[in-house]
Amino acid sequence: MSDDVSIIDDAAAGRYRLMLGGEEIGVAEYDAIADSSVLVKHVEVLPAHEGKGYGSRLVRHVLDDIRARKLSVVPICAYTLAFIRKHPEYTGLVRDDMRNSL
């Protein structure tokens, strides 16, 4: 995986943009829920970049950012939900009423 990767929170568009060398190669779409939670709706990496760890890197960044903002997450995106199941250190970030879906 290249080190020329950056992730930008485009709050106006409700998406984190995964950039590689200035090109957008993936997105994580989200909606704010009141002032307490973030609904992660969809994560996608362009097919040419799949299988290289970029999706995991994007989701980890999104979850770490949500944690840093002291919010909870509502992971309706299947990829994000699977990531949290594989990485239990993020379970406490899931909104209380959604934890039974883990």
PDB file of N, CA and C in Angstrom:
ATOM      1  N   MET A   1       0.846  -1.170   0.000  1.00  0.00           N
ATOM      2  CA  MET A   1       0.000   0.000   0.000  1.00  0.00           C
ATOM      3  C   MET A   1       0.895   1.238   0.000  1.00  0.00           C
ATOM      4  N   SER A   2       0.523   2.187  -0.818  1.00  0.00           N
ATOM      5  CA  SER A   2       1.314   3.408  -0.957  1.00  0.00           C
ATOM      6  C   SER A   2       1.161   4.316   0.257  1.00  0.00           C
ATOM      7  N   ASP A   3       2.212   5.061   0.549  1.00  0.00           N
ATOM      8  CA  ASP A   3       2.162   6.039   1.623  1.00  0.00           C
ATOM      9  C   ASP A   3       1.601   7.371   1.141  1.00  0.00           C
ATOM     10  N   ASP A   4       1.310   7.476  -0.156  1.00  0.00           N
ATOM     11  CA  ASP A   4       0.771   8.704  -0.741  1.00  0.00           C
ATOM     12  C   ASP A   4      -0.759   8.730  -0.611  1.00  0.00           C
ATOM     13  N   VAL A   5      -1.247   8.256   0.534  1.00  0.00           N
ATOM     14  CA  VAL A   5      -2.686   8.162   0.783  1.00  0.00           C
ATOM     15  C   VAL A   5      -3.083   9.231   1.785  1.00  0.00           C
ATOM     16  N   SER A   6      -4.209   9.882   1.501  1.00  0.00           N
ATOM     17  CA  SER A   6      -4.772  10.820   2.473  1.00  0.00           C
ATOM     18  C   SER A   6      -6.277  10.593   2.521  1.00  0.00           C
ATOM     19  N   ILE A   7      -6.859  10.979   3.633  1.00  0.00           N
ATOM     20  CA  ILE A   7      -8.301  10.840   3.816  1.00  0.00           C
ATOM     21  C   ILE A   7      -8.824  12.194   4.256  1.00  0.00           C
ATOM     22  N   ILE A   8      -9.791  12.686   3.523  1.00  0.00           N
ATOM     23  CA  ILE A   8     -10.342  14.016   3.744  1.00  0.00           C
ATOM     24  C   ILE A   8     -11.809  13.886   4.139  1.00  0.00           C
ATOM     25  N   ASP A   9     -12.193  14.539   5.231  1.00  0.00           N
ATOM     26  CA  ASP A   9     -13.594  14.577   5.639  1.00  0.00           C
ATOM     27  C   ASP A   9     -14.264  15.729   4.904  1.00  0.00           C
ATOM     28  N   ASP A  10     -15.079  15.395   3.907  1.00  0.00           N
ATOM     29  CA  ASP A  10     -15.848  16.386   3.160  1.00  0.00           C
ATOM     30  C   ASP A  10     -17.227  16.449   3.805  1.00  0.00           C
ATOM     31  N   ALA A  11     -17.315  17.184   4.915  1.00  0.00           N
ATOM     32  CA  ALA A  11     -18.547  17.225   5.712  1.00  0.00           C
ATOM     33  C   ALA A  11     -19.732  17.749   4.922  1.00  0.00           C
ATOM     34  N   ALA A  12     -19.509  18.693   4.022  1.00  0.00           N
ATOM     35  CA  ALA A  12     -20.605  19.247   3.223  1.00  0.00           C
ATOM     36  C   ALA A  12     -21.249  18.176   2.344  1.00  0.00           C
ATOM     37  N   ALA A  13     -20.446  17.223   1.888  1.00  0.00           N
ATOM     38  CA  ALA A  13     -20.953  16.139   1.041  1.00  0.00           C
ATOM     39  C   ALA A  13     -21.327  14.906   1.855  1.00  0.00           C
ATOM     40  N   GLY A  14     -20.975  14.886   3.148  1.00  0.00           N
ATOM     41  CA  GLY A  14     -21.255  13.725   3.985  1.00  0.00           C
ATOM     42  C   GLY A  14     -20.447  12.510   3.570  1.00  0.00           C
ATOM     43  N   ARG A  15     -19.171  12.751   3.302  1.00  0.00           N
ATOM     44  CA  ARG A  15     -18.304  11.636   2.906  1.00  0.00           C
ATOM     45  C   ARG A  15     -16.847  11.905   3.246  1.00  0.00           C
ATOM     46  N   TYR A  16     -16.189  10.818   3.590  1.00  0.00           N
ATOM     47  CA  TYR A  16     -14.737  10.842   3.707  1.00  0.00           C
ATOM     48  C   TYR A  16     -14.218  10.405   2.342  1.00  0.00           C
ATOM     49  N   ARG A  17     -13.243  11.127   1.829  1.00  0.00           N
ATOM     50  CA  ARG A  17     -12.672  10.814   0.515  1.00  0.00           C
ATOM     51  C   ARG A  17     -11.282  10.209   0.716  1.00  0.00           C
ATOM     52  N   LEU A  18     -11.096   9.029   0.174  1.00  0.00           N
ATOM     53  CA  LEU A  18      -9.807   8.341   0.212  1.00  0.00           C
ATOM     54  C   LEU A  18      -9.047   8.725  -1.049  1.00  0.00           C
ATOM     55  N   MET A  19      -7.939   9.416  -0.854  1.00  0.00           N
ATOM     56  CA  MET A  19      -7.171   9.950  -1.971  1.00  0.00           C
ATOM     57  C   MET A  19      -5.832   9.218  -2.098  1.00  0.00           C
ATOM     58  N   LEU A  20      -5.459   8.930  -3.323  1.00  0.00           N
ATOM     59  CA  LEU A  20      -4.158   8.325  -3.618  1.00  0.00           C
ATOM     60  C   LEU A  20      -3.506   9.160  -4.702  1.00  0.00           C
ATOM     61  N   GLY A  21      -2.442   9.860  -4.337  1.00  0.00           N
ATOM     62  CA  GLY A  21      -1.756  10.702  -5.313  1.00  0.00           C
ATOM     63  C   GLY A  21      -2.664  11.745  -5.941  1.00  0.00           C
ATOM     64  N   GLY A  22      -3.596  12.289  -5.150  1.00  0.00           N
ATOM     65  CA  GLY A  22      -4.500  13.320  -5.654  1.00  0.00           C
ATOM     66  C   GLY A  22      -5.746  12.796  -6.347  1.00  0.00           C
ATOM     67  N   GLU A  23      -5.846  11.482  -6.506  1.00  0.00           N
ATOM     68  CA  GLU A  23      -7.011  10.871  -7.157  1.00  0.00           C
ATOM     69  C   GLU A  23      -7.900  10.213  -6.102  1.00  0.00           C
ATOM     70  N   GLU A  24      -9.204  10.443  -6.194  1.00  0.00           N
ATOM     71  CA  GLU A  24     -10.138   9.794  -5.278  1.00  0.00           C
ATOM     72  C   GLU A  24     -10.304   8.332  -5.678  1.00  0.00           C
ATOM     73  N   ILE A  25      -9.955   7.436  -4.742  1.00  0.00           N
ATOM     74  CA  ILE A  25     -10.065   6.009  -5.038  1.00  0.00           C
ATOM     75  C   ILE A  25     -11.093   5.308  -4.152  1.00  0.00           C
ATOM     76  N   GLY A  26     -11.670   6.049  -3.218  1.00  0.00           N
ATOM     77  CA  GLY A  26     -12.674   5.447  -2.348  1.00  0.00           C
ATOM     78  C   GLY A  26     -13.416   6.495  -1.558  1.00  0.00           C
ATOM     79  N   VAL A  27     -14.572   6.080  -1.019  1.00  0.00           N
ATOM     80  CA  VAL A  27     -15.384   6.981  -0.198  1.00  0.00           C
ATOM     81  C   VAL A  27     -16.038   6.204   0.931  1.00  0.00           C
ATOM     82  N   ALA A  28     -16.336   6.931   1.987  1.00  0.00           N
ATOM     83  CA  ALA A  28     -17.178   6.432   3.075  1.00  0.00           C
ATOM     84  C   ALA A  28     -18.272   7.477   3.257  1.00  0.00           C
ATOM     85  N   GLU A  29     -19.500   7.107   2.954  1.00  0.00           N
ATOM     86  CA  GLU A  29     -20.616   8.040   3.053  1.00  0.00           C
ATOM     87  C   GLU A  29     -21.254   7.949   4.427  1.00  0.00           C
ATOM     88  N   TYR A  30     -21.637   9.105   4.955  1.00  0.00           N
ATOM     89  CA  TYR A  30     -22.197   9.131   6.304  1.00  0.00           C
ATOM     90  C   TYR A  30     -23.220  10.244   6.457  1.00  0.00           C
ATOM     91  N   ASP A  31     -24.014  10.135   7.514  1.00  0.00           N
ATOM     92  CA  ASP A  31     -24.942  11.179   7.935  1.00  0.00           C
ATOM     93  C   ASP A  31     -24.760  11.386   9.432  1.00  0.00           C
ATOM     94  N   ALA A  32     -24.810  12.629   9.853  1.00  0.00           N
ATOM     95  CA  ALA A  32     -24.796  12.926  11.280  1.00  0.00           C
ATOM     96  C   ALA A  32     -26.186  12.645  11.840  1.00  0.00           C
ATOM     97  N   ILE A  33     -26.242  12.098  13.035  1.00  0.00           N
ATOM     98  CA  ILE A  33     -27.501  11.877  13.739  1.00  0.00           C
ATOM     99  C   ILE A  33     -27.452  12.745  14.983  1.00  0.00           C
ATOM    100  N   ALA A  34     -28.239  13.821  14.953  1.00  0.00           N
ATOM    101  CA  ALA A  34     -28.233  14.801  16.042  1.00  0.00           C
ATOM    102  C   ALA A  34     -26.792  15.225  16.299  1.00  0.00           C
ATOM    103  N   ASP A  35     -26.434  15.388  17.545  1.00  0.00           N
ATOM    104  CA  ASP A  35     -25.066  15.763  17.895  1.00  0.00           C
ATOM    105  C   ASP A  35     -24.326  14.624  18.573  1.00  0.00           C
ATOM    106  N   SER A  36     -24.860  13.395  18.402  1.00  0.00           N
ATOM    107  CA  SER A  36     -24.298  12.307  19.195  1.00  0.00           C
ATOM    108  C   SER A  36     -23.762  11.121  18.399  1.00  0.00           C
ATOM    109  N   SER A  37     -24.207  10.956  17.163  1.00  0.00           N
ATOM    110  CA  SER A  37     -23.842   9.748  16.415  1.00  0.00           C
ATOM    111  C   SER A  37     -23.561  10.058  14.956  1.00  0.00           C
ATOM    112  N   VAL A  38     -22.889   9.092  14.316  1.00  0.00           N
ATOM    113  CA  VAL A  38     -22.635   9.157  12.889  1.00  0.00           C
ATOM    114  C   VAL A  38     -23.119   7.851  12.274  1.00  0.00           C
ATOM    115  N   LEU A  39     -23.983   7.951  11.288  1.00  0.00           N
ATOM    116  CA  LEU A  39     -24.501   6.802  10.550  1.00  0.00           C
ATOM    117  C   LEU A  39     -23.578   6.553   9.364  1.00  0.00           C
ATOM    118  N   VAL A  40     -22.828   5.464   9.395  1.00  0.00           N
ATOM    119  CA  VAL A  40     -21.949   5.116   8.275  1.00  0.00           C
ATOM    120  C   VAL A  40     -22.778   4.264   7.323  1.00  0.00           C
ATOM    121  N   LYS A  41     -23.071   4.843   6.152  1.00  0.00           N
ATOM    122  CA  LYS A  41     -24.010   4.236   5.199  1.00  0.00           C
ATOM    123  C   LYS A  41     -23.351   3.321   4.168  1.00  0.00           C
ATOM    124  N   HIS A  42     -22.177   3.720   3.696  1.00  0.00           N
ATOM    125  CA  HIS A  42     -21.597   2.993   2.568  1.00  0.00           C
ATOM    126  C   HIS A  42     -20.099   3.274   2.497  1.00  0.00           C
ATOM    127  N   VAL A  43     -19.343   2.233   2.246  1.00  0.00           N
ATOM    128  CA  VAL A  43     -17.900   2.368   2.012  1.00  0.00           C
ATOM    129  C   VAL A  43     -17.597   1.672   0.699  1.00  0.00           C
ATOM    130  N   GLU A  44     -16.821   2.342  -0.123  1.00  0.00           N
ATOM    131  CA  GLU A  44     -16.496   1.768  -1.433  1.00  0.00           C
ATOM    132  C   GLU A  44     -15.091   2.186  -1.855  1.00  0.00           C
ATOM    133  N   VAL A  45     -14.366   1.241  -2.427  1.00  0.00           N
ATOM    134  CA  VAL A  45     -13.057   1.490  -3.019  1.00  0.00           C
ATOM    135  C   VAL A  45     -13.156   1.092  -4.481  1.00  0.00           C
ATOM    136  N   LEU A  46     -12.604   1.908  -5.366  1.00  0.00           N
ATOM    137  CA  LEU A  46     -12.659   1.592  -6.794  1.00  0.00           C
ATOM    138  C   LEU A  46     -12.095   0.202  -7.055  1.00  0.00           C
ATOM    139  N   PRO A  47     -12.693  -0.541  -7.987  1.00  0.00           N
ATOM    140  CA  PRO A  47     -12.265  -1.924  -8.251  1.00  0.00           C
ATOM    141  C   PRO A  47     -10.760  -2.090  -8.496  1.00  0.00           C
ATOM    142  N   ALA A  48     -10.130  -1.147  -9.151  1.00  0.00           N
ATOM    143  CA  ALA A  48      -8.693  -1.258  -9.436  1.00  0.00           C
ATOM    144  C   ALA A  48      -7.841  -1.222  -8.162  1.00  0.00           C
ATOM    145  N   HIS A  49      -8.447  -0.776  -7.055  1.00  0.00           N
ATOM    146  CA  HIS A  49      -7.696  -0.639  -5.805  1.00  0.00           C
ATOM    147  C   HIS A  49      -8.191  -1.569  -4.701  1.00  0.00           C
ATOM    148  N   GLU A  50      -9.116  -2.438  -5.035  1.00  0.00           N
ATOM    149  CA  GLU A  50      -9.642  -3.387  -4.045  1.00  0.00           C
ATOM    150  C   GLU A  50      -8.579  -4.419  -3.686  1.00  0.00           C
ATOM    151  N   GLY A  51      -8.699  -4.966  -2.488  1.00  0.00           N
ATOM    152  CA  GLY A  51      -7.801  -6.029  -2.050  1.00  0.00           C
ATOM    153  C   GLY A  51      -6.419  -5.561  -1.644  1.00  0.00           C
ATOM    154  N   LYS A  52      -6.244  -4.265  -1.479  1.00  0.00           N
ATOM    155  CA  LYS A  52      -4.937  -3.710  -1.126  1.00  0.00           C
ATOM    156  C   LYS A  52      -4.925  -3.080   0.261  1.00  0.00           C
ATOM    157  N   GLY A  53      -6.016  -3.264   1.003  1.00  0.00           N
ATOM    158  CA  GLY A  53      -6.086  -2.729   2.357  1.00  0.00           C
ATOM    159  C   GLY A  53      -6.613  -1.310   2.464  1.00  0.00           C
ATOM    160  N   TYR A  54      -6.979  -0.702   1.346  1.00  0.00           N
ATOM    161  CA  TYR A  54      -7.454   0.675   1.383  1.00  0.00           C
ATOM    162  C   TYR A  54      -8.804   0.807   2.089  1.00  0.00           C
ATOM    163  N   GLY A  55      -9.695  -0.155   1.885  1.00  0.00           N
ATOM    164  CA  GLY A  55     -11.001  -0.109   2.549  1.00  0.00           C
ATOM    165  C   GLY A  55     -10.850  -0.153   4.060  1.00  0.00           C
ATOM    166  N   SER A  56     -10.006  -1.039   4.548  1.00  0.00           N
ATOM    167  CA  SER A  56      -9.764  -1.129   5.991  1.00  0.00           C
ATOM    168  C   SER A  56      -9.140   0.151   6.522  1.00  0.00           C
ATOM    169  N   ARG A  57      -8.220   0.682   5.774  1.00  0.00           N
ATOM    170  CA  ARG A  57      -7.565   1.933   6.197  1.00  0.00           C
ATOM    171  C   ARG A  57      -8.585   3.069   6.288  1.00  0.00           C
ATOM    172  N   LEU A  58      -9.491   3.125   5.325  1.00  0.00           N
ATOM    173  CA  LEU A  58     -10.530   4.153   5.318  1.00  0.00           C
ATOM    174  C   LEU A  58     -11.475   3.987   6.505  1.00  0.00           C
ATOM    175  N   VAL A  59     -11.957   2.783   6.728  1.00  0.00           N
ATOM    176  CA  VAL A  59     -12.889   2.542   7.830  1.00  0.00           C
ATOM    177  C   VAL A  59     -12.213   2.810   9.171  1.00  0.00           C
ATOM    178  N   ARG A  60     -10.991   2.383   9.333  1.00  0.00           N
ATOM    179  CA  ARG A  60     -10.268   2.639  10.583  1.00  0.00           C
ATOM    180  C   ARG A  60     -10.166   4.152  10.828  1.00  0.00           C
ATOM    181  N   HIS A  61      -9.842   4.894   9.791  1.00  0.00           N
ATOM    182  CA  HIS A  61      -9.748   6.357   9.924  1.00  0.00           C
ATOM    183  C   HIS A  61     -11.101   6.949  10.323  1.00  0.00           C
ATOM    184  N   VAL A  62     -12.164   6.523   9.667  1.00  0.00           N
ATOM    185  CA  VAL A  62     -13.507   7.027   9.979  1.00  0.00           C
ATOM    186  C   VAL A  62     -13.849   6.745  11.441  1.00  0.00           C
ATOM    187  N   LEU A  63     -13.636   5.515  11.878  1.00  0.00           N
ATOM    188  CA  LEU A  63     -13.968   5.149  13.258  1.00  0.00           C
ATOM    189  C   LEU A  63     -13.092   5.893  14.265  1.00  0.00           C
ATOM    190  N   ASP A  64     -11.820   6.041  13.947  1.00  0.00           N
ATOM    191  CA  ASP A  64     -10.931   6.787  14.850  1.00  0.00           C
ATOM    192  C   ASP A  64     -11.350   8.257  14.936  1.00  0.00           C
ATOM    193  N   ASP A  65     -11.792   8.819  13.823  1.00  0.00           N
ATOM    194  CA  ASP A  65     -12.244  10.202  13.817  1.00  0.00           C
ATOM    195  C   ASP A  65     -13.529  10.361  14.634  1.00  0.00           C
ATOM    196  N   ILE A  66     -14.440   9.414  14.487  1.00  0.00           N
ATOM    197  CA  ILE A  66     -15.683   9.440  15.268  1.00  0.00           C
ATOM    198  C   ILE A  66     -15.347   9.347  16.757  1.00  0.00           C
ATOM    199  N   ARG A  67     -14.428   8.479  17.104  1.00  0.00           N
ATOM    200  CA  ARG A  67     -14.012   8.338  18.504  1.00  0.00           C
ATOM    201  C   ARG A  67     -13.390   9.638  19.018  1.00  0.00           C
ATOM    202  N   ALA A  68     -12.533  10.248  18.233  1.00  0.00           N
ATOM    203  CA  ALA A  68     -11.868  11.488  18.645  1.00  0.00           C
ATOM    204  C   ALA A  68     -12.884  12.614  18.865  1.00  0.00           C
ATOM    205  N   ARG A  69     -13.986  12.571  18.142  1.00  0.00           N
ATOM    206  CA  ARG A  69     -15.038  13.586  18.288  1.00  0.00           C
ATOM    207  C   ARG A  69     -16.029  13.222  19.382  1.00  0.00           C
ATOM    208  N   LYS A  70     -15.754  12.109  20.080  1.00  0.00           N
ATOM    209  CA  LYS A  70     -16.587  11.633  21.200  1.00  0.00           C
ATOM    210  C   LYS A  70     -18.036  11.386  20.788  1.00  0.00           C
ATOM    211  N   LEU A  71     -18.178  10.782  19.606  1.00  0.00           N
ATOM    212  CA  LEU A  71     -19.490  10.413  19.077  1.00  0.00           C
ATOM    213  C   LEU A  71     -19.599   8.896  19.053  1.00  0.00           C
ATOM    214  N   SER A  72     -20.786   8.397  18.784  1.00  0.00           N
ATOM    215  CA  SER A  72     -20.974   6.960  18.590  1.00  0.00           C
ATOM    216  C   SER A  72     -21.242   6.714  17.112  1.00  0.00           C
ATOM    217  N   VAL A  73     -21.165   5.450  16.711  1.00  0.00           N
ATOM    218  CA  VAL A  73     -21.363   5.092  15.313  1.00  0.00           C
ATOM    219  C   VAL A  73     -22.560   4.159  15.179  1.00  0.00           C
ATOM    220  N   VAL A  74     -23.292   4.348  14.082  1.00  0.00           N
ATOM    221  CA  VAL A  74     -24.377   3.451  13.687  1.00  0.00           C
ATOM    222  C   VAL A  74     -23.926   2.854  12.356  1.00  0.00           C
ATOM    223  N   PRO A  75     -23.365   1.641  12.382  1.00  0.00           N
ATOM    224  CA  PRO A  75     -22.779   1.055  11.174  1.00  0.00           C
ATOM    225  C   PRO A  75     -23.786   0.236  10.361  1.00  0.00           C
ATOM    226  N   ILE A  76     -24.492   0.891   9.442  1.00  0.00           N
ATOM    227  CA  ILE A  76     -25.420   0.119   8.602  1.00  0.00           C
ATOM    228  C   ILE A  76     -24.728  -0.410   7.339  1.00  0.00           C
ATOM    229  N   CYS A  77     -23.542   0.073   7.076  1.00  0.00           N
ATOM    230  CA  CYS A  77     -22.732  -0.426   5.962  1.00  0.00           C
ATOM    231  C   CYS A  77     -22.191  -1.813   6.337  1.00  0.00           C
ATOM    232  N   ALA A  78     -22.427  -2.785   5.471  1.00  0.00           N
ATOM    233  CA  ALA A  78     -22.000  -4.160   5.758  1.00  0.00           C
ATOM    234  C   ALA A  78     -20.488  -4.259   5.963  1.00  0.00           C
ATOM    235  N   TYR A  79     -19.718  -3.517   5.185  1.00  0.00           N
ATOM    236  CA  TYR A  79     -18.265  -3.569   5.312  1.00  0.00           C
ATOM    237  C   TYR A  79     -17.817  -3.013   6.664  1.00  0.00           C
ATOM    238  N   THR A  80     -18.405  -1.899   7.059  1.00  0.00           N
ATOM    239  CA  THR A  80     -18.058  -1.288   8.341  1.00  0.00           C
ATOM    240  C   THR A  80     -18.449  -2.194   9.498  1.00  0.00           C
ATOM    241  N   LEU A  81     -19.613  -2.787   9.407  1.00  0.00           N
ATOM    242  CA  LEU A  81     -20.075  -3.710  10.440  1.00  0.00           C
ATOM    243  C   LEU A  81     -19.128  -4.911  10.556  1.00  0.00           C
ATOM    244  N   ALA A  82     -18.726  -5.469   9.423  1.00  0.00           N
ATOM    245  CA  ALA A  82     -17.790  -6.601   9.426  1.00  0.00           C
ATOM    246  C   ALA A  82     -16.429  -6.182  10.002  1.00  0.00           C
ATOM    247  N   PHE A  83     -15.989  -4.972   9.679  1.00  0.00           N
ATOM    248  CA  PHE A  83     -14.719  -4.478  10.212  1.00  0.00           C
ATOM    249  C   PHE A  83     -14.776  -4.403  11.740  1.00  0.00           C
ATOM    250  N   ILE A  84     -15.868  -3.871  12.276  1.00  0.00           N
ATOM    251  CA  ILE A  84     -16.007  -3.759  13.728  1.00  0.00           C
ATOM    252  C   ILE A  84     -16.050  -5.144  14.367  1.00  0.00           C
ATOM    253  N   ARG A  85     -16.703  -6.095  13.724  1.00  0.00           N
ATOM    254  CA  ARG A  85     -16.740  -7.464  14.264  1.00  0.00           C
ATOM    255  C   ARG A  85     -15.338  -8.062  14.320  1.00  0.00           C
ATOM    256  N   LYS A  86     -14.488  -7.738  13.346  1.00  0.00           N
ATOM    257  CA  LYS A  86     -13.116  -8.262  13.318  1.00  0.00           C
ATOM    258  C   LYS A  86     -12.190  -7.499  14.261  1.00  0.00           C
ATOM    259  N   HIS A  87     -12.577  -6.293  14.620  1.00  0.00           N
ATOM    260  CA  HIS A  87     -11.739  -5.432  15.453  1.00  0.00           C
ATOM    261  C   HIS A  87     -12.549  -4.984  16.662  1.00  0.00           C
ATOM    262  N   PRO A  88     -12.644  -5.842  17.681  1.00  0.00           N
ATOM    263  CA  PRO A  88     -13.509  -5.559  18.829  1.00  0.00           C
ATOM    264  C   PRO A  88     -13.134  -4.305  19.612  1.00  0.00           C
ATOM    265  N   GLU A  89     -11.957  -3.742  19.366  1.00  0.00           N
ATOM    266  CA  GLU A  89     -11.604  -2.490  20.040  1.00  0.00           C
ATOM    267  C   GLU A  89     -12.527  -1.338  19.628  1.00  0.00           C
ATOM    268  N   TYR A  90     -13.317  -1.544  18.566  1.00  0.00           N
ATOM    269  CA  TYR A  90     -14.268  -0.524  18.122  1.00  0.00           C
ATOM    270  C   TYR A  90     -15.702  -0.807  18.583  1.00  0.00           C
ATOM    271  N   THR A  91     -15.937  -1.920  19.245  1.00  0.00           N
ATOM    272  CA  THR A  91     -17.291  -2.280  19.680  1.00  0.00           C
ATOM    273  C   THR A  91     -17.902  -1.209  20.582  1.00  0.00           C
ATOM    274  N   GLY A  92     -17.123  -0.654  21.479  1.00  0.00           N
ATOM    275  CA  GLY A  92     -17.630   0.369  22.392  1.00  0.00           C
ATOM    276  C   GLY A  92     -18.040   1.659  21.705  1.00  0.00           C
ATOM    277  N   LEU A  93     -17.640   1.823  20.471  1.00  0.00           N
ATOM    278  CA  LEU A  93     -17.993   3.001  19.687  1.00  0.00           C
ATOM    279  C   LEU A  93     -19.402   2.902  19.106  1.00  0.00           C
ATOM    280  N   VAL A  94     -19.890   1.678  18.976  1.00  0.00           N
ATOM    281  CA  VAL A  94     -21.212   1.458  18.391  1.00  0.00           C
ATOM    282  C   VAL A  94     -22.282   1.954  19.364  1.00  0.00           C
ATOM    283  N   ARG A  95     -23.242   2.675  18.820  1.00  0.00           N
ATOM    284  CA  ARG A  95     -24.321   3.206  19.664  1.00  0.00           C
ATOM    285  C   ARG A  95     -24.978   2.061  20.423  1.00  0.00           C
ATOM    286  N   ASP A  96     -25.277   2.298  21.691  1.00  0.00           N
ATOM    287  CA  ASP A  96     -25.782   1.263  22.606  1.00  0.00           C
ATOM    288  C   ASP A  96     -26.910   0.426  22.011  1.00  0.00           C
ATOM    289  N   ASP A  97     -27.883   1.061  21.392  1.00  0.00           N
ATOM    290  CA  ASP A  97     -29.039   0.332  20.878  1.00  0.00           C
ATOM    291  C   ASP A  97     -28.730  -0.480  19.629  1.00  0.00           C
ATOM    292  N   MET A  98     -27.511  -0.359  19.093  1.00  0.00           N
ATOM    293  CA  MET A  98     -27.098  -1.108  17.899  1.00  0.00           C
ATOM    294  C   MET A  98     -26.123  -2.234  18.199  1.00  0.00           C
ATOM    295  N   ARG A  99     -25.632  -2.298  19.431  1.00  0.00           N
ATOM    296  CA  ARG A  99     -24.592  -3.293  19.751  1.00  0.00           C
ATOM    297  C   ARG A  99     -25.081  -4.719  19.609  1.00  0.00           C
ATOM    298  N   ASN A 100     -26.366  -4.967  19.778  1.00  0.00           N
ATOM    299  CA  ASN A 100     -26.861  -6.345  19.646  1.00  0.00           C
ATOM    300  C   ASN A 100     -26.765  -6.849  18.213  1.00  0.00           C
ATOM    301  N   SER A 101     -26.512  -5.962  17.230  1.00  0.00           N
ATOM    302  CA  SER A 101     -26.341  -6.402  15.845  1.00  0.00           C
ATOM    303  C   SER A 101     -24.938  -6.904  15.575  1.00  0.00           C
ATOM    304  N   LEU A 102     -24.060  -6.766  16.561  1.00  0.00           N
ATOM    305  CA  LEU A 102     -22.681  -7.239  16.386  1.00  0.00           C
ATOM    306  C   LEU A 102     -22.673  -8.697  16.646  1.00  0.00           C
TER     307      LEU A 102
END
